[in-house]
């Protein structure tokens, strides 16, 4: 048996003057990996990742690959919950 694989995609937003909106027709998607999310969190050195909530709007399965479409804000989306890192006690 082959190992199950997952791919995550975020909707591409369209910039209109000073705001961004999700496309409604012919939505484009952008692949994102959990490694990239972890890299983002590492940049916030005073915080640690507590929870990731994925609001899935679509899924496709091909063999051992499951592709998950994460919705845009207001429709669905992704929520990262960060907690302030605890100061390590000095030894």
N, C-alpha and C. Protein backbone atom coordinates (compact mmCIF):
# COMPACT_ATOMS: atom_id res chain seq x y z
N UNK A 1 0.84 -1.20 0.00
CA UNK A 1 0.00 0.00 0.00
C UNK A 1 0.88 1.25 0.00
N UNK A 2 0.44 2.26 -0.69
CA UNK A 2 1.19 3.50 -0.71
C UNK A 2 0.73 4.41 0.43
N UNK A 3 1.65 5.27 0.85
CA UNK A 3 1.38 6.19 1.95
C UNK A 3 0.45 7.32 1.49
N UNK A 4 -0.51 7.66 2.33
CA UNK A 4 -1.46 8.74 2.02
C UNK A 4 -0.72 10.08 1.96
N UNK A 5 -1.01 10.89 0.95
CA UNK A 5 -0.40 12.21 0.79
C UNK A 5 -1.50 13.26 0.75
N UNK A 6 -1.18 14.46 1.23
CA UNK A 6 -2.14 15.56 1.25
C UNK A 6 -1.53 16.79 0.59
N UNK A 7 -2.34 17.53 -0.12
CA UNK A 7 -1.94 18.81 -0.70
C UNK A 7 -3.00 19.83 -0.31
N UNK A 8 -2.55 21.03 0.06
CA UNK A 8 -3.45 22.10 0.49
C UNK A 8 -3.36 23.26 -0.50
N UNK A 9 -4.50 23.88 -0.77
CA UNK A 9 -4.55 25.01 -1.71
C UNK A 9 -5.35 26.15 -1.10
N UNK A 10 -4.87 27.36 -1.30
CA UNK A 10 -5.57 28.57 -0.87
C UNK A 10 -6.09 29.30 -2.10
N UNK A 11 -7.21 30.01 -1.98
CA UNK A 11 -7.71 30.78 -3.12
C UNK A 11 -6.81 31.98 -3.41
N UNK A 12 -6.67 32.32 -4.68
CA UNK A 12 -5.92 33.50 -5.08
C UNK A 12 -6.88 34.68 -5.01
N UNK A 13 -6.45 35.75 -4.34
CA UNK A 13 -7.29 36.93 -4.20
C UNK A 13 -6.99 37.92 -5.32
N UNK A 14 -7.98 38.72 -5.65
CA UNK A 14 -7.85 39.73 -6.68
C UNK A 14 -7.77 41.09 -6.00
N UNK A 15 -6.74 41.88 -6.35
CA UNK A 15 -6.58 43.21 -5.75
C UNK A 15 -7.40 44.22 -6.53
N UNK A 16 -8.24 44.95 -5.79
CA UNK A 16 -9.06 46.00 -6.38
C UNK A 16 -8.80 47.27 -5.58
N UNK A 17 -8.06 48.19 -6.16
CA UNK A 17 -7.65 49.43 -5.51
C UNK A 17 -6.96 49.10 -4.19
N UNK A 18 -7.58 49.40 -3.06
CA UNK A 18 -6.93 49.20 -1.76
C UNK A 18 -7.47 47.98 -1.01
N UNK A 19 -8.12 47.06 -1.70
CA UNK A 19 -8.67 45.89 -1.01
C UNK A 19 -8.45 44.64 -1.85
N UNK A 20 -8.64 43.52 -1.22
CA UNK A 20 -8.52 42.23 -1.88
C UNK A 20 -9.86 41.51 -1.79
N UNK A 21 -10.27 40.87 -2.87
CA UNK A 21 -11.50 40.09 -2.87
C UNK A 21 -11.23 38.73 -3.50
N UNK A 22 -11.98 37.74 -3.04
CA UNK A 22 -11.86 36.42 -3.63
C UNK A 22 -12.54 36.42 -4.99
N UNK A 23 -11.95 35.74 -5.93
CA UNK A 23 -12.57 35.63 -7.24
C UNK A 23 -13.79 34.73 -7.12
N UNK A 24 -14.78 34.96 -7.93
CA UNK A 24 -15.98 34.13 -7.85
C UNK A 24 -16.11 33.20 -9.05
N UNK A 25 -15.69 33.63 -10.20
CA UNK A 25 -15.76 32.79 -11.40
C UNK A 25 -14.34 32.34 -11.76
N UNK A 26 -14.19 31.07 -12.04
CA UNK A 26 -12.88 30.56 -12.45
C UNK A 26 -11.83 30.76 -11.38
N UNK A 27 -12.21 30.50 -10.13
CA UNK A 27 -11.28 30.70 -9.02
C UNK A 27 -9.93 30.04 -9.30
N UNK A 28 -8.89 30.77 -8.98
CA UNK A 28 -7.54 30.23 -9.09
C UNK A 28 -7.12 29.81 -7.69
N UNK A 29 -6.29 28.78 -7.60
CA UNK A 29 -5.83 28.31 -6.31
C UNK A 29 -4.31 28.30 -6.28
N UNK A 30 -3.76 28.37 -5.08
CA UNK A 30 -2.32 28.43 -4.88
C UNK A 30 -1.94 27.35 -3.88
N UNK A 31 -0.97 26.50 -4.21
CA UNK A 31 -0.59 25.45 -3.27
C UNK A 31 0.15 26.02 -2.07
N UNK A 32 -0.09 25.47 -0.90
CA UNK A 32 0.61 25.87 0.32
C UNK A 32 0.92 24.60 1.10
N UNK A 33 2.09 24.56 1.71
CA UNK A 33 2.49 23.38 2.47
C UNK A 33 2.50 23.71 3.96
N UNK A 34 2.35 22.69 4.76
CA UNK A 34 2.43 22.89 6.21
C UNK A 34 3.83 23.33 6.62
N UNK A 35 4.84 22.95 5.85
CA UNK A 35 6.20 23.43 6.13
C UNK A 35 6.29 24.94 5.97
N UNK A 36 5.62 25.49 4.94
CA UNK A 36 5.62 26.95 4.74
C UNK A 36 4.90 27.66 5.88
N UNK A 37 3.83 27.06 6.37
CA UNK A 37 3.11 27.64 7.51
C UNK A 37 4.02 27.66 8.73
N UNK A 38 4.73 26.56 8.96
CA UNK A 38 5.66 26.51 10.09
C UNK A 38 6.78 27.54 9.93
N UNK A 39 7.26 27.74 8.70
CA UNK A 39 8.28 28.77 8.45
C UNK A 39 7.75 30.16 8.81
N UNK A 40 6.49 30.43 8.48
CA UNK A 40 5.86 31.69 8.83
C UNK A 40 5.85 31.89 10.34
N UNK A 41 5.46 30.85 11.05
CA UNK A 41 5.38 30.92 12.51
C UNK A 41 6.76 31.13 13.12
N UNK A 42 7.78 30.50 12.54
CA UNK A 42 9.15 30.66 13.06
C UNK A 42 9.60 32.11 13.00
N UNK A 43 9.09 32.86 12.02
CA UNK A 43 9.44 34.28 11.91
C UNK A 43 8.89 35.08 13.09
N UNK A 44 7.86 34.57 13.72
CA UNK A 44 7.26 35.21 14.90
C UNK A 44 7.88 34.57 16.13
N UNK A 45 9.13 34.92 16.40
CA UNK A 45 9.94 34.19 17.38
C UNK A 45 9.40 34.20 18.80
N UNK A 46 8.55 35.15 19.16
CA UNK A 46 7.99 35.20 20.52
C UNK A 46 6.75 34.34 20.67
N UNK A 47 6.36 33.65 19.61
CA UNK A 47 5.12 32.88 19.64
C UNK A 47 5.38 31.43 19.22
N UNK A 48 4.46 30.58 19.61
CA UNK A 48 4.48 29.20 19.15
C UNK A 48 3.09 28.85 18.63
N UNK A 49 3.04 27.98 17.66
CA UNK A 49 1.78 27.60 17.05
C UNK A 49 1.02 26.68 17.99
N UNK A 50 -0.23 27.02 18.24
CA UNK A 50 -1.08 26.21 19.11
C UNK A 50 -2.01 25.34 18.29
N UNK A 51 -2.74 25.96 17.35
CA UNK A 51 -3.78 25.26 16.60
C UNK A 51 -3.84 25.78 15.18
N UNK A 52 -4.12 24.89 14.23
CA UNK A 52 -4.43 25.28 12.86
C UNK A 52 -5.83 24.78 12.58
N UNK A 53 -6.73 25.68 12.20
CA UNK A 53 -8.08 25.29 11.79
C UNK A 53 -8.18 25.49 10.29
N UNK A 54 -8.53 24.44 9.59
CA UNK A 54 -8.71 24.52 8.14
C UNK A 54 -10.20 24.40 7.84
N UNK A 55 -10.73 25.37 7.13
CA UNK A 55 -12.13 25.35 6.72
C UNK A 55 -12.17 24.95 5.25
N UNK A 56 -12.44 23.70 5.03
CA UNK A 56 -12.33 23.10 3.70
C UNK A 56 -13.61 23.34 2.90
N UNK A 57 -13.42 23.81 1.65
CA UNK A 57 -14.58 24.02 0.78
C UNK A 57 -14.65 23.00 -0.34
N UNK A 58 -13.57 22.25 -0.53
CA UNK A 58 -13.59 21.25 -1.59
C UNK A 58 -12.48 20.24 -1.38
N UNK A 59 -12.67 19.07 -1.96
CA UNK A 59 -11.68 18.00 -1.84
C UNK A 59 -11.66 17.19 -3.13
N UNK A 60 -10.48 16.73 -3.50
CA UNK A 60 -10.33 15.85 -4.65
C UNK A 60 -9.40 14.71 -4.23
N UNK A 61 -9.71 13.52 -4.67
CA UNK A 61 -8.90 12.36 -4.30
C UNK A 61 -8.48 11.64 -5.57
N UNK A 62 -7.17 11.43 -5.72
CA UNK A 62 -6.62 10.68 -6.83
C UNK A 62 -5.61 9.69 -6.26
N UNK A 63 -5.96 8.44 -6.25
CA UNK A 63 -5.07 7.44 -5.68
C UNK A 63 -4.81 7.73 -4.21
N UNK A 64 -3.53 7.86 -3.86
CA UNK A 64 -3.17 8.13 -2.46
C UNK A 64 -3.07 9.63 -2.16
N UNK A 65 -3.33 10.48 -3.15
CA UNK A 65 -3.25 11.94 -2.98
C UNK A 65 -4.63 12.52 -2.70
N UNK A 66 -4.75 13.22 -1.57
CA UNK A 66 -5.96 13.94 -1.22
C UNK A 66 -5.65 15.43 -1.31
N UNK A 67 -6.37 16.17 -2.15
CA UNK A 67 -6.17 17.61 -2.32
C UNK A 67 -7.31 18.34 -1.64
N UNK A 68 -6.96 19.25 -0.73
CA UNK A 68 -7.94 19.99 0.05
C UNK A 68 -7.91 21.46 -0.35
N UNK A 69 -9.08 22.01 -0.67
CA UNK A 69 -9.20 23.42 -1.02
C UNK A 69 -9.69 24.17 0.21
N UNK A 70 -8.90 25.14 0.65
CA UNK A 70 -9.23 25.95 1.82
C UNK A 70 -9.96 27.19 1.32
N UNK A 71 -11.10 27.50 1.91
CA UNK A 71 -11.92 28.61 1.44
C UNK A 71 -11.36 29.97 1.79
N UNK A 72 -11.88 31.00 1.12
CA UNK A 72 -11.50 32.38 1.38
C UNK A 72 -12.25 32.89 2.60
N UNK A 73 -11.75 33.98 3.19
CA UNK A 73 -12.39 34.56 4.37
C UNK A 73 -13.84 34.92 4.07
N UNK A 74 -14.71 34.70 5.04
CA UNK A 74 -16.13 34.96 4.86
C UNK A 74 -16.84 33.74 4.31
N UNK A 75 -16.12 32.91 3.61
CA UNK A 75 -16.65 31.68 3.04
C UNK A 75 -16.13 30.51 3.86
N UNK A 76 -14.91 30.56 4.21
CA UNK A 76 -14.23 29.56 5.02
C UNK A 76 -12.85 30.15 5.29
N UNK A 77 -11.82 29.38 5.34
CA UNK A 77 -10.49 29.92 5.48
C UNK A 77 -9.62 29.09 6.40
N UNK A 78 -8.51 29.67 6.78
CA UNK A 78 -7.57 29.02 7.67
C UNK A 78 -7.33 29.95 8.85
N UNK A 79 -7.31 29.39 10.04
CA UNK A 79 -7.09 30.18 11.24
C UNK A 79 -5.91 29.59 11.98
N UNK A 80 -4.88 30.40 12.22
CA UNK A 80 -3.73 29.99 13.00
C UNK A 80 -3.86 30.62 14.37
N UNK A 81 -3.78 29.81 15.41
CA UNK A 81 -3.85 30.32 16.78
C UNK A 81 -2.44 30.24 17.35
N UNK A 82 -1.91 31.40 17.72
CA UNK A 82 -0.57 31.48 18.28
C UNK A 82 -0.66 31.81 19.77
N UNK A 83 0.20 31.21 20.55
CA UNK A 83 0.32 31.52 21.96
C UNK A 83 1.67 32.13 22.21
N UNK A 84 1.73 33.08 23.13
CA UNK A 84 3.01 33.67 23.53
C UNK A 84 3.87 32.57 24.12
N UNK A 85 5.13 32.49 23.71
CA UNK A 85 6.02 31.48 24.25
C UNK A 85 6.28 31.77 25.71
N UNK A 86 6.34 30.72 26.50
CA UNK A 86 6.67 30.84 27.92
C UNK A 86 8.17 31.03 28.04
N UNK A 87 8.59 31.97 28.89
CA UNK A 87 10.02 32.16 29.14
C UNK A 87 10.55 30.94 29.85
N UNK A 88 11.64 30.38 29.35
CA UNK A 88 12.24 29.22 29.99
C UNK A 88 12.86 29.66 31.30
N UNK A 89 12.66 28.86 32.34
CA UNK A 89 13.24 29.18 33.63
C UNK A 89 14.75 29.04 33.53
N UNK A 90 15.45 30.00 34.10
CA UNK A 90 16.90 29.95 34.07
C UNK A 90 17.37 28.88 35.02
N UNK A 91 18.31 28.06 34.58
CA UNK A 91 18.82 26.96 35.39
C UNK A 91 19.96 27.39 36.25
